[in-house]
């Protein structure tokens, strides 16, 4: 297997520098203002030289880099740039796993031969990203997802790194890297490992599995030993013709407390899910809402459609029904992430009682589907902008 990991360089800040030439070459900090309560979403490499990094309080960032240029996030611009980048990714493999708005894994096993070598494929992708998006990305090439992710970090910024593909070469390459390089080694686990002298992947490679199991647990020890040798059999979780669900999520740069802002963003996600869903002839039976708060507590809520659906209006009705039930007007919440998806996919309309004259519900669904199909063929027009809002109380049309 050949896996490619793409990470857009300082994505939000790079989009700001791309769109505003006056910001190029300067320390750009995207997130809350320098004197506001809030955090840095991301920052340019010029700001990172002063110790600024993502998730840092903006006031701390200002203390480290008082000449930094603080910019409020423009999520619509970032999403548009992301959409273009993912279109490029699909030129190189049909198997694309989107990890976030600026990061993806590609299984390029079946397409490497079209470019001669994996490196040639990766360099071609980087050139096309630069030409299409006017942005740069870092690319890691490896025999699995774990190593591809580590390799892209080696490539930063604006580079390509290819790991060894043979087991012995992989083990030697990983041996000197710190244990925190591996998945699953967070701050707490890292402190435990360091306490017992495990500081590098090589230390883990040489560890007694029984001793390692006693200090971090049997399952964690086995996973860590496998990863220290670069072993990872997890597949690229692509969304293709056999996908079981279609969903989109948005992580806010700063935790959101404005109900209407989150609601508006949900509506935009619904439109994106609907358009993606209609790339194939299929219907969904179930809608799902996802909300995550500032403490990373996640809830999911789902409900079935009256009839299997594939149009924006029906998806939006159900999404807002779930949202309004979970976050009623006047209630207070802190939201870090909002997501919407549809599942229980069928490839026939699945009307309950076929007859010469369709039921009113089926007739209404057919009408909505015709509207959606027509508007899909019109550039830059979507159902959300052409059909009046239904049962909504906030502003819509701002995609984040």
Protein backbone atom coordinates (compact mmCIF):
# COMPACT_ATOMS: atom_id res chain seq x y z
CA UNK A 1 0.00 0.00 0.00
CA UNK A 2 1.13 3.56 -0.71
CA UNK A 3 -0.44 6.32 1.38
CA UNK A 4 -0.05 10.05 0.93
CA UNK A 5 -0.80 12.54 3.71
CA UNK A 6 -1.41 16.14 2.68
CA UNK A 7 -1.35 18.99 5.19
CA UNK A 8 -1.99 22.52 3.98
CA UNK A 9 0.67 24.84 5.41
CA UNK A 10 -0.57 27.26 8.12
CA UNK A 11 -3.87 27.05 6.29
CA UNK A 12 -6.03 29.87 7.68
CA UNK A 13 -3.10 32.28 7.89
CA UNK A 14 -1.93 31.33 4.39
CA UNK A 15 -5.38 32.08 2.97
CA UNK A 16 -5.28 35.50 4.65
CA UNK A 17 -1.83 36.20 3.18
CA UNK A 18 -2.94 34.98 -0.23
CA UNK A 19 -5.99 37.25 -0.25
CA UNK A 20 -4.23 40.28 1.23
CA UNK A 21 -0.76 40.88 -0.26
CA UNK A 22 0.03 43.36 2.53
CA UNK A 23 0.10 40.45 5.00
CA UNK A 24 2.67 38.40 3.10
CA UNK A 25 5.90 37.84 4.97
CA UNK A 26 4.41 39.21 8.19
CA UNK A 27 3.42 37.49 11.45
CA UNK A 28 -0.30 36.83 10.96
CA UNK A 29 -2.33 35.46 13.87
CA UNK A 30 -5.84 34.21 13.11
CA UNK A 31 -8.27 34.01 16.02
CA UNK A 32 -9.45 36.20 18.86
CA UNK A 33 -8.10 39.74 19.15
CA UNK A 34 -4.95 40.47 21.20
CA UNK A 35 -6.92 41.84 24.16
CA UNK A 36 -9.90 39.48 23.96
CA UNK A 37 -10.64 36.28 25.82
CA UNK A 38 -10.07 33.64 23.20
CA UNK A 39 -7.41 31.60 21.51
CA UNK A 40 -5.25 31.49 18.41
CA UNK A 41 -6.77 29.37 15.66
CA UNK A 42 -3.60 29.27 13.60
CA UNK A 43 -0.73 31.57 12.71
CA UNK A 44 1.76 32.10 9.94
CA UNK A 45 5.28 30.71 10.10
CA UNK A 46 6.54 34.24 10.67
CA UNK A 47 4.56 34.32 13.94
CA UNK A 48 5.65 30.81 14.96
CA UNK A 49 9.23 32.02 15.14
CA UNK A 50 8.19 33.99 18.24
CA UNK A 51 6.63 30.95 19.95
CA UNK A 52 3.04 31.56 18.91
CA UNK A 53 1.02 28.42 18.20
CA UNK A 54 -2.54 27.16 17.79
CA UNK A 55 -4.82 27.01 20.86
CA UNK A 56 -2.63 29.54 22.70
CA UNK A 57 -4.57 32.36 24.45
CA UNK A 58 -4.50 35.40 22.21
CA UNK A 59 -3.25 37.57 25.05
CA UNK A 60 -0.24 35.27 25.42
CA UNK A 61 0.34 35.44 21.68
CA UNK A 62 0.33 39.23 21.89
CA UNK A 63 2.87 39.16 24.73
CA UNK A 64 5.16 36.97 22.64
CA UNK A 65 4.60 38.81 19.37
CA UNK A 66 3.23 42.33 20.01
CA UNK A 67 3.86 43.33 16.40
CA UNK A 68 1.77 40.42 15.14
CA UNK A 69 -1.23 41.16 12.93
CA UNK A 70 -4.37 39.70 14.48
CA UNK A 71 -7.06 38.70 11.99
CA UNK A 72 -10.61 37.49 12.65
CA UNK A 73 -11.36 34.11 11.03
CA UNK A 74 -13.15 34.09 7.67
CA UNK A 75 -14.46 30.55 7.64
CA UNK A 76 -16.28 30.89 4.34
CA UNK A 77 -13.02 31.76 2.57
CA UNK A 78 -11.23 28.85 4.24
CA UNK A 79 -13.97 26.39 3.29
CA UNK A 80 -13.88 27.56 -0.33
CA UNK A 81 -10.11 27.06 -0.43
CA UNK A 82 -10.54 23.63 1.17
CA UNK A 83 -13.13 22.59 -1.42
CA UNK A 84 -10.71 23.47 -4.22
CA UNK A 85 -7.90 21.55 -2.54
CA UNK A 86 -10.03 18.44 -2.11
CA UNK A 87 -11.01 18.62 -5.78
CA UNK A 88 -7.29 18.48 -6.56
CA UNK A 89 -6.81 15.50 -4.23
CA UNK A 90 -9.46 13.60 -6.16
CA UNK A 91 -7.38 14.02 -9.34
CA UNK A 92 -4.79 11.69 -7.77
CA UNK A 93 -6.95 9.04 -6.10
CA UNK A 94 -10.63 8.22 -5.65
CA UNK A 95 -9.79 7.11 -2.12
CA UNK A 96 -9.56 10.34 -0.09
CA UNK A 97 -10.07 10.50 3.67
CA UNK A 98 -10.67 14.05 4.81
CA UNK A 99 -9.33 14.46 8.34
CA UNK A 100 -10.10 18.17 8.63
CA UNK A 101 -10.63 21.19 6.43
CA UNK A 102 -6.89 21.32 5.63
CA UNK A 103 -5.70 17.74 5.94
CA UNK A 104 -6.31 14.43 4.14
CA UNK A 105 -5.01 10.92 3.57
CA UNK A 106 -4.97 9.49 0.03
CA UNK A 107 -4.56 5.83 -0.84
CA UNK A 108 -2.60 6.14 -4.09
CA UNK A 109 -1.67 2.46 -4.42
CA UNK A 110 -3.62 2.11 -7.65
CA UNK A 111 -2.56 5.39 -9.25
CA UNK A 112 1.19 5.53 -8.61
CA UNK A 113 1.89 3.80 -11.95
CA UNK A 114 0.28 6.73 -13.80
CA UNK A 115 3.10 8.99 -12.57
CA UNK A 116 5.97 6.52 -12.55
CA UNK A 117 6.84 6.88 -8.86
CA UNK A 118 5.11 7.90 -5.65
CA UNK A 119 7.43 10.91 -5.36
CA UNK A 120 6.48 12.08 -8.86
CA UNK A 121 2.80 11.79 -7.91
CA UNK A 122 3.34 13.78 -4.72
CA UNK A 123 5.26 16.53 -6.47
CA UNK A 124 2.58 16.76 -9.15
CA UNK A 125 -0.07 17.17 -6.47
CA UNK A 126 1.91 19.90 -4.73
CA UNK A 127 2.32 21.80 -8.01
CA UNK A 128 -1.38 21.58 -8.77
CA UNK A 129 -2.32 22.82 -5.28
CA UNK A 130 -0.05 25.81 -5.83
CA UNK A 131 -1.53 26.52 -9.27
CA UNK A 132 -5.21 26.00 -8.36
CA UNK A 133 -5.29 27.32 -4.78
CA UNK A 134 -2.27 29.67 -4.72
CA UNK A 135 -1.30 27.91 -1.47
CA UNK A 136 1.37 25.45 -0.40
CA UNK A 137 1.10 22.06 1.24
CA UNK A 138 3.36 19.49 2.86
CA UNK A 139 3.17 15.89 1.68
CA UNK A 140 4.23 12.67 3.38
CA UNK A 141 4.56 9.40 1.44
CA UNK A 142 4.66 6.05 3.23
CA UNK A 143 3.34 2.48 3.27
CA UNK A 144 0.63 3.31 5.84
CA UNK A 145 -1.33 6.14 7.46
CA UNK A 146 0.80 6.41 10.61
CA UNK A 147 4.05 6.84 8.73
CA UNK A 148 2.52 9.16 6.13
CA UNK A 149 1.36 11.50 8.91
CA UNK A 150 4.81 11.51 10.53
CA UNK A 151 6.40 12.08 7.11
CA UNK A 152 4.30 15.16 6.36
CA UNK A 153 5.55 16.71 9.60
CA UNK A 154 9.09 16.09 8.35
CA UNK A 155 8.17 17.86 5.09
CA UNK A 156 6.93 21.10 6.70
CA UNK A 157 6.69 23.65 5.37
CA UNK A 158 6.10 23.31 1.64
CA UNK A 159 7.95 20.06 1.09
CA UNK A 160 7.66 16.33 0.41
CA UNK A 161 9.14 13.54 2.50
CA UNK A 162 9.12 9.83 1.65
CA UNK A 163 9.75 7.25 4.37
CA UNK A 164 11.52 3.94 3.88
CA UNK A 165 9.15 1.17 2.78
CA UNK A 166 11.06 -1.87 4.09
CA UNK A 167 10.51 -2.94 7.74
CA UNK A 168 14.18 -2.67 8.73
CA UNK A 169 14.55 0.77 7.18
CA UNK A 170 11.34 1.97 8.84
CA UNK A 171 12.49 0.77 12.28
CA UNK A 172 15.86 2.51 11.90
CA UNK A 173 14.20 5.72 10.74
CA UNK A 174 11.80 5.79 13.68
CA UNK A 175 14.30 4.73 16.34
CA UNK A 176 15.61 8.23 17.17
CA UNK A 177 12.23 9.96 17.08
CA UNK A 178 10.60 10.95 20.40
CA UNK A 179 7.77 8.74 21.64
CA UNK A 180 5.34 11.66 21.36
CA UNK A 181 5.63 11.24 17.58
CA UNK A 182 3.42 8.15 17.83
CA UNK A 183 -0.38 8.22 17.87
CA UNK A 184 -1.89 7.80 21.30
CA UNK A 185 1.03 9.28 23.21
CA UNK A 186 -0.43 12.38 24.80
CA UNK A 187 0.91 14.47 27.63
CA UNK A 188 -0.05 12.04 30.40
CA UNK A 189 1.20 8.89 28.66
CA UNK A 190 4.35 10.72 27.59
CA UNK A 191 5.10 11.69 31.20
CA UNK A 192 4.67 8.09 32.36
CA UNK A 193 6.93 6.77 29.62
CA UNK A 194 9.60 9.39 30.28
CA UNK A 195 9.50 8.56 34.00
CA UNK A 196 10.57 5.02 33.19
CA UNK A 197 13.20 6.03 30.64
CA UNK A 198 11.21 5.55 27.43
CA UNK A 199 11.99 8.70 25.47
CA UNK A 200 12.44 7.53 21.89
CA UNK A 201 10.77 5.02 19.58
CA UNK A 202 13.99 3.02 19.81
CA UNK A 203 13.46 2.73 23.56
CA UNK A 204 10.02 1.29 22.92
CA UNK A 205 11.41 -1.09 20.27
CA UNK A 206 13.81 -2.50 22.88
CA UNK A 207 11.28 -2.57 25.73
CA UNK A 208 10.15 -5.67 27.59
CA UNK A 209 6.46 -5.96 26.56
CA UNK A 210 5.51 -7.28 30.02
CA UNK A 211 7.03 -4.28 31.79
CA UNK A 212 5.48 -1.82 29.32
CA UNK A 213 2.09 -3.49 29.84
CA UNK A 214 2.35 -2.98 33.61
CA UNK A 215 2.89 0.76 33.33
CA UNK A 216 0.45 1.71 30.54
CA UNK A 217 -1.81 -1.32 30.08
CA UNK A 218 -1.73 -4.37 27.82
CA UNK A 219 -3.63 -2.92 24.84
CA UNK A 220 -1.75 0.40 24.89
CA UNK A 221 1.60 -1.39 25.17
CA UNK A 222 0.87 -3.62 22.18
CA UNK A 223 -0.24 -0.65 20.09
CA UNK A 224 2.80 1.39 21.09
CA UNK A 225 5.25 -1.40 20.26
CA UNK A 226 3.62 -1.91 16.85
CA UNK A 227 3.75 1.81 16.13
CA UNK A 228 7.38 2.11 17.24
CA UNK A 229 8.24 -0.28 14.40
CA UNK A 230 5.95 1.63 12.01
CA UNK A 231 3.29 -1.08 11.86
CA UNK A 232 -0.21 0.22 11.09
CA UNK A 233 -2.91 -1.67 9.19
CA UNK A 234 -5.68 0.94 9.43
CA UNK A 235 -7.19 1.63 6.00
CA UNK A 236 -7.71 5.02 4.41
CA UNK A 237 -11.34 5.65 5.35
CA UNK A 238 -12.46 7.09 2.05
CA UNK A 239 -16.00 8.10 1.10
CA UNK A 240 -16.80 6.49 -2.22
CA UNK A 241 -19.63 4.75 -3.99
CA UNK A 242 -20.09 2.33 -1.11
CA UNK A 243 -20.12 4.97 1.61
CA UNK A 244 -22.56 4.26 4.41
CA UNK A 245 -23.10 7.90 5.31
CA UNK A 246 -22.34 11.42 4.11
CA UNK A 247 -21.49 14.10 6.64
CA UNK A 248 -19.69 17.38 7.16
CA UNK A 249 -18.39 18.99 10.33
CA UNK A 250 -17.15 22.41 11.35
CA UNK A 251 -14.78 23.12 14.24
CA UNK A 252 -14.99 26.76 15.27
CA UNK A 253 -11.66 28.58 15.73
CA UNK A 254 -13.04 30.02 18.96
CA UNK A 255 -15.76 28.26 20.96
CA UNK A 256 -19.13 29.62 19.83
CA UNK A 257 -21.84 30.81 22.23
CA UNK A 258 -24.04 32.58 19.67
CA UNK A 259 -26.91 30.19 18.91
CA UNK A 260 -27.76 31.84 15.60
CA UNK A 261 -24.15 31.67 14.42
CA UNK A 262 -24.04 27.93 15.06
CA UNK A 263 -27.49 27.46 13.51
CA UNK A 264 -26.44 29.38 10.42
CA UNK A 265 -23.33 27.26 10.08
CA UNK A 266 -25.43 24.11 10.42
CA UNK A 267 -27.62 25.22 7.51
CA UNK A 268 -24.54 25.64 5.34
CA UNK A 269 -23.29 22.19 6.29
CA UNK A 270 -26.67 20.74 5.34
CA UNK A 271 -26.35 22.27 1.88
CA UNK A 272 -22.87 20.82 1.42
CA UNK A 273 -24.02 17.37 2.53
CA UNK A 274 -27.01 17.48 0.17
CA UNK A 275 -24.94 18.48 -2.84
CA UNK A 276 -22.38 15.79 -2.14
CA UNK A 277 -25.10 13.21 -1.51
CA UNK A 278 -26.68 13.87 -4.90
CA UNK A 279 -23.52 12.99 -6.79
CA UNK A 280 -25.13 9.56 -6.91
CA UNK A 281 -28.74 8.45 -7.26
CA UNK A 282 -29.62 7.47 -3.72
CA UNK A 283 -31.82 8.40 -0.80
CA UNK A 284 -31.23 8.59 2.97
CA UNK A 285 -33.60 7.44 5.70
CA UNK A 286 -31.93 9.11 8.70
CA UNK A 287 -30.50 12.51 9.61
CA UNK A 288 -27.85 13.01 12.31
CA UNK A 289 -26.80 16.09 14.28
CA UNK A 290 -23.50 16.32 16.15
CA UNK A 291 -22.50 18.93 18.73
CA UNK A 292 -19.28 19.11 20.75
CA UNK A 293 -18.74 21.57 23.59
CA UNK A 294 -15.63 23.36 24.78
CA UNK A 295 -14.78 20.47 27.13
CA UNK A 296 -14.85 18.04 24.17
CA UNK A 297 -18.09 16.39 25.32
CA UNK A 298 -19.91 15.18 22.22
CA UNK A 299 -23.58 14.45 21.69
CA UNK A 300 -25.28 13.01 18.62
CA UNK A 301 -28.97 13.09 17.85
CA UNK A 302 -30.75 11.41 14.96
CA UNK A 303 -34.21 11.14 13.46
CA UNK A 304 -35.76 9.36 10.48
CA UNK A 305 -37.28 11.16 7.53
CA UNK A 306 -40.95 10.55 6.78
CA UNK A 307 -39.82 9.17 3.42
CA UNK A 308 -36.26 8.50 2.21
CA UNK A 309 -34.89 11.87 1.06
CA UNK A 310 -32.13 13.45 -1.01
CA UNK A 311 -33.01 17.17 -1.23
CA UNK A 312 -31.75 20.19 0.69
CA UNK A 313 -35.13 21.29 2.02
CA UNK A 314 -35.97 17.97 3.67
CA UNK A 315 -32.46 17.64 5.07
CA UNK A 316 -32.62 21.17 6.43
CA UNK A 317 -36.05 20.67 8.06
CA UNK A 318 -34.81 17.67 9.99
CA UNK A 319 -31.44 19.21 10.90
CA UNK A 320 -33.09 22.31 12.38
CA UNK A 321 -35.72 20.20 14.14
CA UNK A 322 -32.93 18.28 15.89
CA UNK A 323 -30.93 21.44 16.59
CA UNK A 324 -33.86 23.44 18.01
CA UNK A 325 -34.79 20.55 20.26
CA UNK A 326 -31.22 20.28 21.56
CA UNK A 327 -30.55 24.03 21.80
CA UNK A 328 -33.87 25.87 22.29
CA UNK A 329 -34.04 29.64 22.03
CA UNK A 330 -32.93 31.36 25.20
CA UNK A 331 -30.75 28.47 26.34
CA UNK A 332 -27.01 28.92 26.77
CA UNK A 333 -24.40 26.58 25.30
CA UNK A 334 -20.76 26.60 24.30
CA UNK A 335 -20.14 24.82 21.00
CA UNK A 336 -16.75 23.84 19.63
CA UNK A 337 -17.98 21.67 16.75
CA UNK A 338 -21.21 21.24 14.81
CA UNK A 339 -21.85 18.49 12.30
CA UNK A 340 -24.62 17.10 10.12
CA UNK A 341 -24.91 13.86 8.22
CA UNK A 342 -27.33 11.44 6.61
CA UNK A 343 -27.22 7.66 6.76
CA UNK A 344 -29.29 4.50 6.17
CA UNK A 345 -28.74 4.89 2.45
CA UNK A 346 -31.02 3.19 -0.09
CA UNK A 347 -30.85 3.21 -3.87
CA UNK A 348 -34.59 3.26 -4.54
CA UNK A 349 -37.14 5.83 -3.30
CA UNK A 350 -38.73 3.07 -1.22
CA UNK A 351 -42.27 4.43 -1.26
CA UNK A 352 -44.39 2.45 1.18
CA UNK A 353 -47.46 1.88 -1.02
CA UNK A 354 -46.91 2.31 -4.78
CA UNK A 355 -50.05 3.49 -6.53
CA UNK A 356 -51.21 5.29 -9.64
CA UNK A 357 -51.41 8.54 -7.68
CA UNK A 358 -48.54 9.25 -5.30
CA UNK A 359 -49.24 10.28 -1.72
CA UNK A 360 -49.05 14.01 -0.90
CA UNK A 361 -45.79 13.38 0.96
CA UNK A 362 -44.28 11.54 -2.02
CA UNK A 363 -45.49 14.24 -4.42
CA UNK A 364 -43.92 16.96 -2.27
CA UNK A 365 -40.67 15.02 -2.11
CA UNK A 366 -40.60 14.63 -5.91
CA UNK A 367 -41.13 18.38 -6.28
CA UNK A 368 -38.24 19.17 -3.93
CA UNK A 369 -35.97 16.71 -5.70
CA UNK A 370 -36.71 18.28 -9.09
CA UNK A 371 -35.85 21.72 -7.68
CA UNK A 372 -32.61 20.42 -6.24
CA UNK A 373 -31.62 18.62 -9.44
CA UNK A 374 -32.25 21.71 -11.56
CA UNK A 375 -30.33 24.03 -9.26
CA UNK A 376 -27.42 21.57 -9.06
CA UNK A 377 -26.89 22.22 -12.77
CA UNK A 378 -26.72 25.99 -12.34
CA UNK A 379 -23.22 27.24 -11.38
CA UNK A 380 -22.93 29.00 -7.99
CA UNK A 381 -26.60 28.53 -7.15
CA UNK A 382 -27.91 26.24 -4.45
CA UNK A 383 -31.30 25.38 -3.09
CA UNK A 384 -30.65 27.33 0.08
CA UNK A 385 -30.29 30.58 -1.83
CA UNK A 386 -33.27 29.95 -4.09
CA UNK A 387 -35.89 28.64 -1.67
CA UNK A 388 -37.21 30.72 1.25
CA UNK A 389 -36.18 29.63 4.72
CA UNK A 390 -38.59 27.35 6.54
CA UNK A 391 -39.02 27.46 10.33
CA UNK A 392 -35.83 29.42 10.85
CA UNK A 393 -35.29 32.35 13.13
CA UNK A 394 -31.67 33.27 12.44
CA UNK A 395 -29.55 34.51 9.59
CA UNK A 396 -28.44 31.96 7.02
CA UNK A 397 -26.08 31.80 4.11
CA UNK A 398 -22.78 32.17 5.99
CA UNK A 399 -20.78 28.97 5.57
CA UNK A 400 -18.18 28.31 8.19
